[in-house]
Amino acid sequence: MLYKDISTFTDRIVGNIRSVLIGKEQIIRQLLAAILAGGHALLEDVPGTGKTTLAKAFAGSIAGRYARIQFTPDLLPSDVTGMTIYRQSSGAFEFLPGPVFTNVLLADEINRATPRTQSALLEAMEEHQVTENGKTYSLQPPFFVIATQNPVESQGTFPLPEAQMDRFLVRLTPGYPDAAQSVQMLQNRDRKDPLSDLRSVASPEELLEAQELARTCQISKDLLHYIVALCEYVRNPEQVSLGPSPRAMLMLMNISKVWAAMQGRDYVIPEDIRELADPVLAHRLILKGFHEPGYEHTLIRECLSTVPVPTEARP
């Protein structure tokens, strides 16, 4: 696979998802970039904006294993990771894998489960493994989590702790379609659900190959300094009590390399970083006091307009 092949590969997946989800190409591409960077994605928006549909369409486009967990307050950690049981017939203990043993895991309404159950995903998301009863079981690649949550509903929900938010490479907000897109959506769904006709257009092996190639994309030292400067800038305002971690810097670097590869380039330019700074950094900002909803995005925009952009970016 060459860099131009990554561009063709991603266009194939994006086109397939667009047949189901109208008017969300940028969000689809950002989600795909996060997956190719080896990360996980959090889809956060009000009900009915296509979060679950996007996750299902993405899973359906990859000919791999798919599992969905509906997170509820009574969900247990073992319902996610699996459990060890005693088989009386054999006189031995046996591990029964949970739904996390898959390629694409949809964690639907993740903030409806208790913190104890939410934390069951931490090891799987970070280390691609599950530890049960003193034994470690590896998750087969590719593995990624697409989680959804409703940010405006608080009854019966448990906000994700900062440590778990930091595990998500990007937080994406699909938003409402415009009027023309809404009409097209209604036409597409007039007689049947287009998800029922969705077919896979990529294999897990192709996905892994694209991931490996994207890692070799070059990024200049000037752009590494730029990434550090962006993250340090949004740590400093007096409105921020916690800013992007070193993990965030690594994730922004990795996804910028993928974004460059998706354009058919083997090197990163400043626009790649600027395109992804908000979805990678905004959900990692913990603000002090009361601020209007979405204020973290305002800080990111201020950061991008203030920090000088390198003029010589190509290695």
C-alpha atoms as a PDB file:
ATOM      1  CA  MET A   1       0.000   0.000   0.000  1.00  0.00           C
ATOM      2  CA  LEU A   2       1.264   3.487  -0.946  1.00  0.00           C
ATOM      3  CA  TYR A   3       0.231   6.876   0.447  1.00  0.00           C
ATOM      4  CA  LYS A   4      -2.042   7.463  -2.539  1.00  0.00           C
ATOM      5  CA  ASP A   5      -3.611   4.088  -1.737  1.00  0.00           C
ATOM      6  CA  ILE A   6      -4.482   5.324   1.773  1.00  0.00           C
ATOM      7  CA  SER A   7      -6.317   8.245   0.180  1.00  0.00           C
ATOM      8  CA  THR A   8      -8.247   5.864  -2.093  1.00  0.00           C
ATOM      9  CA  PHE A   9      -8.903   3.486   0.802  1.00  0.00           C
ATOM     10  CA  THR A  10     -10.336   6.209   3.026  1.00  0.00           C
ATOM     11  CA  ASP A  11     -12.428   7.683   0.187  1.00  0.00           C
ATOM     12  CA  ARG A  12     -13.989   4.237  -0.285  1.00  0.00           C
ATOM     13  CA  ILE A  13     -15.018   4.022   3.376  1.00  0.00           C
ATOM     14  CA  VAL A  14     -16.226   7.635   3.544  1.00  0.00           C
ATOM     15  CA  GLY A  15     -18.338   7.173   0.410  1.00  0.00           C
ATOM     16  CA  ASN A  16     -19.906   4.044   1.856  1.00  0.00           C
ATOM     17  CA  ILE A  17     -20.864   5.782   5.106  1.00  0.00           C
ATOM     18  CA  ARG A  18     -22.189   8.825   3.249  1.00  0.00           C
ATOM     19  CA  SER A  19     -24.794   6.584   1.641  1.00  0.00           C
ATOM     20  CA  VAL A  20     -26.292   6.235   5.125  1.00  0.00           C
ATOM     21  CA  LEU A  21     -25.393   9.491   6.872  1.00  0.00           C
ATOM     22  CA  ILE A  22     -26.064  12.657   4.886  1.00  0.00           C
ATOM     23  CA  GLY A  23     -23.928  15.787   5.140  1.00  0.00           C
ATOM     24  CA  LYS A  24     -21.362  14.615   7.701  1.00  0.00           C
ATOM     25  CA  GLU A  25     -18.280  14.020   5.543  1.00  0.00           C
ATOM     26  CA  GLN A  26     -15.900  16.032   7.750  1.00  0.00           C
ATOM     27  CA  ILE A  27     -17.003  14.192  10.892  1.00  0.00           C
ATOM     28  CA  ILE A  28     -16.724  10.851   9.069  1.00  0.00           C
ATOM     29  CA  ARG A  29     -13.182  11.669   7.954  1.00  0.00           C
ATOM     30  CA  GLN A  30     -12.145  12.768  11.437  1.00  0.00           C
ATOM     31  CA  LEU A  31     -13.567   9.562  12.905  1.00  0.00           C
ATOM     32  CA  LEU A  32     -11.698   7.497  10.321  1.00  0.00           C
ATOM     33  CA  ALA A  33      -8.475   9.407  11.042  1.00  0.00           C
ATOM     34  CA  ALA A  34      -8.804   8.619  14.739  1.00  0.00           C
ATOM     35  CA  ILE A  35      -9.227   4.912  14.000  1.00  0.00           C
ATOM     36  CA  LEU A  36      -6.257   4.846  11.618  1.00  0.00           C
ATOM     37  CA  ALA A  37      -4.201   6.565  14.321  1.00  0.00           C
ATOM     38  CA  GLY A  38      -4.995   3.659  16.636  1.00  0.00           C
ATOM     39  CA  GLY A  39      -7.303   5.688  18.860  1.00  0.00           C
ATOM     40  CA  HIS A  40     -10.894   5.705  20.055  1.00  0.00           C
ATOM     41  CA  ALA A  41     -13.687   8.191  19.388  1.00  0.00           C
ATOM     42  CA  LEU A  42     -16.395   9.769  21.544  1.00  0.00           C
ATOM     43  CA  LEU A  43     -19.492  10.978  19.675  1.00  0.00           C
ATOM     44  CA  GLU A  44     -21.231  13.571  21.808  1.00  0.00           C
ATOM     45  CA  ASP A  45     -24.446  15.310  20.809  1.00  0.00           C
ATOM     46  CA  VAL A  46     -28.131  15.598  21.582  1.00  0.00           C
ATOM     47  CA  PRO A  47     -30.421  12.635  20.751  1.00  0.00           C
ATOM     48  CA  GLY A  48     -31.338  11.952  17.149  1.00  0.00           C
ATOM     49  CA  THR A  49     -28.309  13.500  15.432  1.00  0.00           C
ATOM     50  CA  GLY A  50     -26.948  10.248  14.011  1.00  0.00           C
ATOM     51  CA  LYS A  51     -24.331   9.247  16.590  1.00  0.00           C
ATOM     52  CA  THR A  52     -25.323   5.580  16.739  1.00  0.00           C
ATOM     53  CA  THR A  53     -26.022   5.478  13.003  1.00  0.00           C
ATOM     54  CA  LEU A  54     -22.517   6.790  12.290  1.00  0.00           C
ATOM     55  CA  ALA A  55     -20.955   4.192  14.575  1.00  0.00           C
ATOM     56  CA  LYS A  56     -22.997   1.364  13.027  1.00  0.00           C
ATOM     57  CA  ALA A  57     -22.234   2.520   9.481  1.00  0.00           C
ATOM     58  CA  PHE A  58     -18.532   2.644  10.244  1.00  0.00           C
ATOM     59  CA  ALA A  59     -18.601  -0.825  11.766  1.00  0.00           C
ATOM     60  CA  GLY A  60     -20.573  -2.125   8.801  1.00  0.00           C
ATOM     61  CA  SER A  61     -18.010  -0.731   6.359  1.00  0.00           C
ATOM     62  CA  ILE A  62     -15.243  -2.835   7.908  1.00  0.00           C
ATOM     63  CA  ALA A  63     -15.548  -6.596   7.359  1.00  0.00           C
ATOM     64  CA  GLY A  64     -14.549  -7.364  10.925  1.00  0.00           C
ATOM     65  CA  ARG A  65     -16.223  -8.352  14.156  1.00  0.00           C
ATOM     66  CA  TYR A  66     -18.657  -5.864  15.662  1.00  0.00           C
ATOM     67  CA  ALA A  67     -20.283  -5.679  19.086  1.00  0.00           C
ATOM     68  CA  ARG A  68     -22.642  -3.193  20.680  1.00  0.00           C
ATOM     69  CA  ILE A  69     -23.146  -2.589  24.394  1.00  0.00           C
ATOM     70  CA  GLN A  70     -26.112  -0.548  25.588  1.00  0.00           C
ATOM     71  CA  PHE A  71     -24.743   1.058  28.740  1.00  0.00           C
ATOM     72  CA  THR A  72     -27.253   1.181  31.600  1.00  0.00           C
ATOM     73  CA  PRO A  73     -26.938   1.799  35.371  1.00  0.00           C
ATOM     74  CA  ASP A  74     -27.247  -1.931  36.142  1.00  0.00           C
ATOM     75  CA  LEU A  75     -24.518  -2.994  33.681  1.00  0.00           C
ATOM     76  CA  LEU A  76     -21.636  -4.802  35.407  1.00  0.00           C
ATOM     77  CA  PRO A  77     -17.920  -4.741  34.480  1.00  0.00           C
ATOM     78  CA  SER A  78     -18.103  -8.455  33.640  1.00  0.00           C
ATOM     79  CA  ASP A  79     -20.863  -7.653  31.129  1.00  0.00           C
ATOM     80  CA  VAL A  80     -18.199  -5.717  29.236  1.00  0.00           C
ATOM     81  CA  THR A  81     -14.987  -7.681  29.691  1.00  0.00           C
ATOM     82  CA  GLY A  82     -16.254 -11.214  30.344  1.00  0.00           C
ATOM     83  CA  MET A  83     -15.997 -13.502  33.368  1.00  0.00           C
ATOM     84  CA  THR A  84     -14.405 -16.708  34.644  1.00  0.00           C
ATOM     85  CA  ILE A  85     -16.782 -19.552  35.461  1.00  0.00           C
ATOM     86  CA  TYR A  86     -16.300 -23.019  36.929  1.00  0.00           C
ATOM     87  CA  ARG A  87     -17.232 -25.905  34.637  1.00  0.00           C
ATOM     88  CA  GLN A  88     -18.361 -28.743  36.861  1.00  0.00           C
ATOM     89  CA  SER A  89     -18.235 -31.185  33.950  1.00  0.00           C
ATOM     90  CA  SER A  90     -14.514 -30.610  33.407  1.00  0.00           C
ATOM     91  CA  GLY A  91     -13.570 -29.543  36.918  1.00  0.00           C
ATOM     92  CA  ALA A  92     -11.782 -26.480  35.524  1.00  0.00           C
ATOM     93  CA  PHE A  93     -12.259 -22.727  35.368  1.00  0.00           C
ATOM     94  CA  GLU A  94     -13.065 -21.234  31.970  1.00  0.00           C
ATOM     95  CA  PHE A  95     -12.966 -17.627  30.798  1.00  0.00           C
ATOM     96  CA  LEU A  96     -15.994 -16.482  28.813  1.00  0.00           C
ATOM     97  CA  PRO A  97     -14.973 -13.449  26.704  1.00  0.00           C
ATOM     98  CA  GLY A  98     -17.247 -10.405  26.857  1.00  0.00           C
ATOM     99  CA  PRO A  99     -18.314  -8.158  23.954  1.00  0.00           C
ATOM    100  CA  VAL A 100     -15.079  -6.164  24.265  1.00  0.00           C
ATOM    101  CA  PHE A 101     -13.369  -9.012  22.363  1.00  0.00           C
ATOM    102  CA  THR A 102     -14.182  -7.622  18.942  1.00  0.00           C
ATOM    103  CA  ASN A 103     -12.794  -5.270  16.294  1.00  0.00           C
ATOM    104  CA  VAL A 104     -15.354  -2.476  16.551  1.00  0.00           C
ATOM    105  CA  LEU A 105     -17.047  -1.891  19.895  1.00  0.00           C
ATOM    106  CA  LEU A 106     -19.983   0.512  20.058  1.00  0.00           C
ATOM    107  CA  ALA A 107     -20.378   1.736  23.648  1.00  0.00           C
ATOM    108  CA  ASP A 108     -23.812   3.319  23.326  1.00  0.00           C
ATOM    109  CA  GLU A 109     -24.741   5.997  25.888  1.00  0.00           C
ATOM    110  CA  ILE A 110     -21.573   5.264  27.846  1.00  0.00           C
ATOM    111  CA  ASN A 111     -22.394   7.859  30.509  1.00  0.00           C
ATOM    112  CA  ARG A 112     -25.452   5.867  31.647  1.00  0.00           C
ATOM    113  CA  ALA A 113     -23.292   3.194  33.291  1.00  0.00           C
ATOM    114  CA  THR A 114     -21.737   3.569  36.720  1.00  0.00           C
ATOM    115  CA  PRO A 115     -18.079   4.684  37.015  1.00  0.00           C
ATOM    116  CA  ARG A 116     -17.118   1.124  38.036  1.00  0.00           C
ATOM    117  CA  THR A 117     -18.461  -0.256  34.765  1.00  0.00           C
ATOM    118  CA  GLN A 118     -17.085   2.636  32.701  1.00  0.00           C
ATOM    119  CA  SER A 119     -13.626   1.913  34.103  1.00  0.00           C
ATOM    120  CA  ALA A 120     -13.845  -1.676  32.840  1.00  0.00           C
ATOM    121  CA  LEU A 121     -12.994  -0.254  29.416  1.00  0.00           C
ATOM    122  CA  LEU A 122      -9.841   1.569  30.532  1.00  0.00           C
ATOM    123  CA  GLU A 123      -7.408  -1.344  30.248  1.00  0.00           C
ATOM    124  CA  ALA A 124      -8.908  -2.475  26.954  1.00  0.00           C
ATOM    125  CA  MET A 125      -8.739   1.014  25.434  1.00  0.00           C
ATOM    126  CA  GLU A 126      -5.202   1.782  26.577  1.00  0.00           C
ATOM    127  CA  GLU A 127      -3.427  -1.588  26.488  1.00  0.00           C
ATOM    128  CA  HIS A 128      -5.692  -3.672  24.210  1.00  0.00           C
ATOM    129  CA  GLN A 129      -6.010  -6.385  26.815  1.00  0.00           C
ATOM    130  CA  VAL A 130      -8.287  -7.607  29.598  1.00  0.00           C
ATOM    131  CA  THR A 131      -7.135  -8.936  32.963  1.00  0.00           C
ATOM    132  CA  GLU A 132      -9.507 -11.348  34.687  1.00  0.00           C
ATOM    133  CA  ASN A 133      -8.844 -13.529  37.712  1.00  0.00           C
ATOM    134  CA  GLY A 134      -5.110 -12.851  37.507  1.00  0.00           C
ATOM    135  CA  LYS A 135      -4.807 -13.750  33.809  1.00  0.00           C
ATOM    136  CA  THR A 136      -4.317 -11.391  30.888  1.00  0.00           C
ATOM    137  CA  TYR A 137      -6.145 -11.870  27.590  1.00  0.00           C
ATOM    138  CA  SER A 138      -5.068  -9.889  24.520  1.00  0.00           C
ATOM    139  CA  LEU A 139      -7.528  -8.207  22.180  1.00  0.00           C
ATOM    140  CA  GLN A 140      -6.846  -8.978  18.532  1.00  0.00           C
ATOM    141  CA  PRO A 141      -6.146  -5.962  16.314  1.00  0.00           C
ATOM    142  CA  PRO A 142      -7.680  -3.913  14.989  1.00  0.00           C
ATOM    143  CA  PHE A 143      -9.603  -2.863  18.090  1.00  0.00           C
ATOM    144  CA  PHE A 144     -11.279   0.456  18.656  1.00  0.00           C
ATOM    145  CA  VAL A 145     -14.127   1.873  20.699  1.00  0.00           C
ATOM    146  CA  ILE A 146     -16.740   4.266  19.378  1.00  0.00           C
ATOM    147  CA  ALA A 147     -18.690   5.626  22.345  1.00  0.00           C
ATOM    148  CA  THR A 148     -21.746   7.877  22.312  1.00  0.00           C
ATOM    149  CA  GLN A 149     -23.211  10.132  24.949  1.00  0.00           C
ATOM    150  CA  ASN A 150     -25.804  12.864  25.333  1.00  0.00           C
ATOM    151  CA  PRO A 151     -24.229  15.973  26.911  1.00  0.00           C
ATOM    152  CA  VAL A 152     -27.441  17.739  27.926  1.00  0.00           C
ATOM    153  CA  GLU A 153     -29.155  14.983  29.909  1.00  0.00           C
ATOM    154  CA  SER A 154     -28.107  14.497  33.529  1.00  0.00           C
ATOM    155  CA  GLN A 155     -30.802  12.304  35.085  1.00  0.00           C
ATOM    156  CA  GLY A 156     -29.546   8.729  35.421  1.00  0.00           C
ATOM    157  CA  THR A 157     -26.124   9.532  33.966  1.00  0.00           C
ATOM    158  CA  PHE A 158     -22.562   9.443  35.316  1.00  0.00           C
ATOM    159  CA  PRO A 159     -20.105  11.897  33.701  1.00  0.00           C
ATOM    160  CA  LEU A 160     -16.972  10.254  32.385  1.00  0.00           C
ATOM    161  CA  PRO A 161     -13.963  10.963  34.642  1.00  0.00           C
ATOM    162  CA  GLU A 162     -11.062  12.978  33.234  1.00  0.00           C
ATOM    163  CA  ALA A 163      -8.846   9.868  33.040  1.00  0.00           C
ATOM    164  CA  GLN A 164     -11.306   8.133  30.731  1.00  0.00           C
ATOM    165  CA  MET A 165     -11.963  11.230  28.620  1.00  0.00           C
ATOM    166  CA  ASP A 166      -8.205  11.357  28.024  1.00  0.00           C
ATOM    167  CA  ARG A 167      -8.357   7.842  26.530  1.00  0.00           C
ATOM    168  CA  PHE A 168     -10.490   9.091  23.639  1.00  0.00           C
ATOM    169  CA  LEU A 169      -8.366  10.460  20.827  1.00  0.00           C
ATOM    170  CA  VAL A 170     -11.180  12.671  19.528  1.00  0.00           C
ATOM    171  CA  ARG A 171     -14.541  13.967  20.649  1.00  0.00           C
ATOM    172  CA  LEU A 172     -16.824  14.659  17.696  1.00  0.00           C
ATOM    173  CA  THR A 173     -20.191  16.418  17.510  1.00  0.00           C
ATOM    174  CA  PRO A 174     -22.235  15.437  14.424  1.00  0.00           C
ATOM    175  CA  GLY A 175     -24.727  18.317  14.788  1.00  0.00           C
ATOM    176  CA  TYR A 176     -27.993  18.870  12.933  1.00  0.00           C
ATOM    177  CA  PRO A 177     -28.206  18.582   9.125  1.00  0.00           C
ATOM    178  CA  ASP A 178     -29.275  21.651   7.164  1.00  0.00           C
ATOM    179  CA  ALA A 179     -32.652  21.838   5.432  1.00  0.00           C
ATOM    180  CA  ALA A 180     -31.529  20.307   2.125  1.00  0.00           C
ATOM    181  CA  GLN A 181     -29.687  17.507   3.875  1.00  0.00           C
ATOM    182  CA  SER A 182     -32.725  16.840   6.061  1.00  0.00           C
ATOM    183  CA  VAL A 183     -34.950  16.459   2.981  1.00  0.00           C
ATOM    184  CA  GLN A 184     -32.452  14.066   1.408  1.00  0.00           C
ATOM    185  CA  MET A 185     -32.335  12.060   4.648  1.00  0.00           C
ATOM    186  CA  LEU A 186     -36.128  11.753   4.682  1.00  0.00           C
ATOM    187  CA  GLN A 187     -36.133  10.611   1.057  1.00  0.00           C
ATOM    188  CA  ASN A 188     -33.472   7.985   1.757  1.00  0.00           C
ATOM    189  CA  ARG A 189     -35.460   6.625   4.672  1.00  0.00           C
ATOM    190  CA  ASP A 190     -38.908   6.915   3.170  1.00  0.00           C
ATOM    191  CA  ARG A 191     -39.343   3.170   2.622  1.00  0.00           C
ATOM    192  CA  LYS A 192     -36.430   1.439   4.380  1.00  0.00           C
ATOM    193  CA  ASP A 193     -33.383   1.931   6.562  1.00  0.00           C
ATOM    194  CA  PRO A 194     -30.286   2.351   4.321  1.00  0.00           C
ATOM    195  CA  LEU A 195     -28.227   0.577   6.998  1.00  0.00           C
ATOM    196  CA  SER A 196     -29.934  -2.656   5.963  1.00  0.00           C
ATOM    197  CA  ASP A 197     -28.275  -2.455   2.524  1.00  0.00           C
ATOM    198  CA  LEU A 198     -24.837  -1.362   3.755  1.00  0.00           C
ATOM    199  CA  ARG A 199     -22.018  -3.676   2.719  1.00  0.00           C
ATOM    200  CA  SER A 200     -18.423  -3.790   3.903  1.00  0.00           C
ATOM    201  CA  VAL A 201     -15.899  -2.123   1.599  1.00  0.00           C
ATOM    202  CA  ALA A 202     -12.673  -2.748   3.556  1.00  0.00           C
ATOM    203  CA  SER A 203     -11.052  -5.571   5.459  1.00  0.00           C
ATOM    204  CA  PRO A 204      -9.387  -5.457   8.889  1.00  0.00           C
ATOM    205  CA  GLU A 205      -6.119  -6.360   7.160  1.00  0.00           C
ATOM    206  CA  GLU A 206      -6.347  -3.288   4.921  1.00  0.00           C
ATOM    207  CA  LEU A 207      -7.062  -1.146   7.970  1.00  0.00           C
ATOM    208  CA  LEU A 208      -3.994  -2.463   9.773  1.00  0.00           C
ATOM    209  CA  GLU A 209      -1.839  -1.936   6.689  1.00  0.00           C
ATOM    210  CA  ALA A 210      -3.027   1.660   6.397  1.00  0.00           C
ATOM    211  CA  GLN A 211      -2.289   2.216  10.088  1.00  0.00           C
ATOM    212  CA  GLU A 212       1.263   0.943   9.702  1.00  0.00           C
ATOM    213  CA  LEU A 213       1.977   3.078   6.643  1.00  0.00           C
ATOM    214  CA  ALA A 214       0.510   6.232   8.198  1.00  0.00           C
ATOM    215  CA  ARG A 215       2.932   5.894  11.118  1.00  0.00           C
ATOM    216  CA  THR A 216       5.836   6.366   8.698  1.00  0.00           C
ATOM    217  CA  CYS A 217       4.573   9.762   7.557  1.00  0.00           C
ATOM    218  CA  GLN A 218       7.200  12.437   8.222  1.00  0.00           C
ATOM    219  CA  ILE A 219       6.751  15.415  10.527  1.00  0.00           C
ATOM    220  CA  SER A 220       9.328  18.177  10.886  1.00  0.00           C
ATOM    221  CA  LYS A 221      10.823  19.308  14.182  1.00  0.00           C
ATOM    222  CA  ASP A 222       9.242  22.734  13.672  1.00  0.00           C
ATOM    223  CA  LEU A 223       5.817  21.110  13.646  1.00  0.00           C
ATOM    224  CA  LEU A 224       6.632  19.125  16.784  1.00  0.00           C
ATOM    225  CA  HIS A 225       7.433  22.447  18.464  1.00  0.00           C
ATOM    226  CA  TYR A 226       4.126  23.773  17.092  1.00  0.00           C
ATOM    227  CA  ILE A 227       2.162  20.911  18.667  1.00  0.00           C
ATOM    228  CA  VAL A 228       3.880  21.504  22.021  1.00  0.00           C
ATOM    229  CA  ALA A 229       3.232  25.266  21.794  1.00  0.00           C
ATOM    230  CA  LEU A 230      -0.487  24.719  21.111  1.00  0.00           C
ATOM    231  CA  CYS A 231      -0.862  22.381  24.074  1.00  0.00           C
ATOM    232  CA  GLU A 232       1.119  24.639  26.400  1.00  0.00           C
ATOM    233  CA  TYR A 233      -0.924  27.672  25.353  1.00  0.00           C
ATOM    234  CA  VAL A 234      -4.263  26.131  26.340  1.00  0.00           C
ATOM    235  CA  ARG A 235      -2.824  24.997  29.674  1.00  0.00           C
ATOM    236  CA  ASN A 236      -2.001  28.539  30.725  1.00  0.00           C
ATOM    237  CA  PRO A 237      -5.208  30.618  30.704  1.00  0.00           C
ATOM    238  CA  GLU A 238      -6.567  31.318  34.174  1.00  0.00           C
ATOM    239  CA  GLN A 239      -9.875  29.746  33.107  1.00  0.00           C
ATOM    240  CA  VAL A 240      -8.210  26.303  32.758  1.00  0.00           C
ATOM    241  CA  SER A 241      -7.499  24.045  35.740  1.00  0.00           C
ATOM    242  CA  LEU A 242      -6.297  21.083  33.660  1.00  0.00           C
ATOM    243  CA  GLY A 243      -4.969  21.141  30.107  1.00  0.00           C
ATOM    244  CA  PRO A 244      -3.754  18.655  27.507  1.00  0.00           C
ATOM    245  CA  SER A 245      -1.451  15.916  28.794  1.00  0.00           C
ATOM    246  CA  PRO A 246       1.681  14.545  27.071  1.00  0.00           C
ATOM    247  CA  ARG A 247      -0.639  11.793  25.788  1.00  0.00           C
ATOM    248  CA  ALA A 248      -2.635  14.507  24.022  1.00  0.00           C
ATOM    249  CA  MET A 249       0.528  15.766  22.309  1.00  0.00           C
ATOM    250  CA  LEU A 250       1.306  12.252  21.077  1.00  0.00           C
ATOM    251  CA  MET A 251      -2.240  11.751  19.862  1.00  0.00           C
ATOM    252  CA  LEU A 252      -2.275  15.081  18.008  1.00  0.00           C
ATOM    253  CA  MET A 253       1.001  14.149  16.320  1.00  0.00           C
ATOM    254  CA  ASN A 254      -0.222  10.675  15.336  1.00  0.00           C
ATOM    255  CA  ILE A 255      -3.573  11.772  13.964  1.00  0.00           C
ATOM    256  CA  SER A 256      -1.944  14.640  12.046  1.00  0.00           C
ATOM    257  CA  LYS A 257       0.287  12.087  10.316  1.00  0.00           C
ATOM    258  CA  VAL A 258      -2.776  10.037   9.424  1.00  0.00           C
ATOM    259  CA  TRP A 259      -4.590  13.136   8.129  1.00  0.00           C
ATOM    260  CA  ALA A 260      -1.615  13.898   5.879  1.00  0.00           C
ATOM    261  CA  ALA A 261      -1.607  10.317   4.581  1.00  0.00           C
ATOM    262  CA  MET A 262      -5.343  10.559   3.898  1.00  0.00           C
ATOM    263  CA  GLN A 263      -4.547  13.460   1.556  1.00  0.00           C
ATOM    264  CA  GLY A 264      -1.987  11.286  -0.232  1.00  0.00           C
ATOM    265  CA  ARG A 265       1.041  13.034   1.326  1.00  0.00           C
ATOM    266  CA  ASP A 266       4.002  11.474   3.141  1.00  0.00           C
ATOM    267  CA  TYR A 267       4.646  14.578   5.263  1.00  0.00           C
ATOM    268  CA  VAL A 268       2.627  16.726   7.676  1.00  0.00           C
ATOM    269  CA  ILE A 269       1.839  20.397   7.075  1.00  0.00           C
ATOM    270  CA  PRO A 270       0.510  22.914   9.653  1.00  0.00           C
ATOM    271  CA  GLU A 271      -3.022  22.696   8.248  1.00  0.00           C
ATOM    272  CA  ASP A 272      -3.176  19.006   9.230  1.00  0.00           C
ATOM    273  CA  ILE A 273      -2.522  19.905  12.858  1.00  0.00           C
ATOM    274  CA  ARG A 274      -4.875  22.895  12.845  1.00  0.00           C
ATOM    275  CA  GLU A 275      -7.676  20.811  11.321  1.00  0.00           C
ATOM    276  CA  LEU A 276      -7.581  18.333  14.208  1.00  0.00           C
ATOM    277  CA  ALA A 277      -6.566  20.495  17.175  1.00  0.00           C
ATOM    278  CA  ASP A 278     -10.123  21.070  18.362  1.00  0.00           C
ATOM    279  CA  PRO A 279     -11.452  17.469  18.267  1.00  0.00           C
ATOM    280  CA  VAL A 280      -8.233  16.232  19.917  1.00  0.00           C
ATOM    281  CA  LEU A 281      -7.716  18.915  22.589  1.00  0.00           C
ATOM    282  CA  ALA A 282     -11.081  20.473  23.507  1.00  0.00           C
ATOM    283  CA  HIS A 283     -12.424  17.567  25.579  1.00  0.00           C
ATOM    284  CA  ARG A 284      -9.184  17.499  27.588  1.00  0.00           C
ATOM    285  CA  LEU A 285      -9.687  21.006  29.000  1.00  0.00           C
ATOM    286  CA  ILE A 286     -11.087  21.195  32.526  1.00  0.00           C
ATOM    287  CA  LEU A 287     -12.361  24.722  33.088  1.00  0.00           C
ATOM    288  CA  LYS A 288     -12.469  26.692  36.323  1.00  0.00           C
ATOM    289  CA  GLY A 289     -15.765  28.150  37.481  1.00  0.00           C
ATOM    290  CA  PHE A 290     -18.813  28.648  35.269  1.00  0.00           C
ATOM    291  CA  HIS A 291     -18.524  29.174  31.530  1.00  0.00           C
ATOM    292  CA  GLU A 292     -21.008  29.051  28.705  1.00  0.00           C
ATOM    293  CA  PRO A 293     -21.305  25.657  26.962  1.00  0.00           C
ATOM    294  CA  GLY A 294     -18.619  25.162  24.340  1.00  0.00           C
ATOM    295  CA  TYR A 295     -16.202  27.667  25.881  1.00  0.00           C
ATOM    296  CA  GLU A 296     -13.366  25.162  25.477  1.00  0.00           C
ATOM    297  CA  HIS A 297     -13.778  25.457  21.684  1.00  0.00           C
ATOM    298  CA  THR A 298     -13.423  29.227  22.021  1.00  0.00           C
ATOM    299  CA  LEU A 299     -10.098  28.721  23.794  1.00  0.00           C
ATOM    300  CA  ILE A 300      -8.877  26.389  21.033  1.00  0.00           C
ATOM    301  CA  ARG A 301      -9.810  28.939  18.352  1.00  0.00           C
ATOM    302  CA  GLU A 302      -8.004  31.641  20.318  1.00  0.00           C
ATOM    303  CA  CYS A 303      -4.984  29.356  20.585  1.00  0.00           C
ATOM    304  CA  LEU A 304      -4.906  28.663  16.846  1.00  0.00           C
ATOM    305  CA  SER A 305      -5.119  32.372  16.019  1.00  0.00           C
ATOM    306  CA  THR A 306      -2.384  33.329  18.522  1.00  0.00           C
ATOM    307  CA  VAL A 307       0.359  30.681  18.349  1.00  0.00           C
ATOM    308  CA  PRO A 308       2.654  31.409  15.359  1.00  0.00           C
ATOM    309  CA  VAL A 309       2.383  28.897  12.518  1.00  0.00           C
ATOM    310  CA  PRO A 310       5.697  27.461  11.244  1.00  0.00           C
ATOM    311  CA  THR A 311       6.511  28.610   7.728  1.00  0.00           C
ATOM    312  CA  GLU A 312       8.880  25.746   6.851  1.00  0.00           C
ATOM    313  CA  ALA A 313       7.075  22.490   7.619  1.00  0.00           C
ATOM    314  CA  ARG A 314       8.281  19.880   5.157  1.00  0.00           C
ATOM    315  CA  PRO A 315      11.100  17.634   6.526  1.00  0.00           C
END
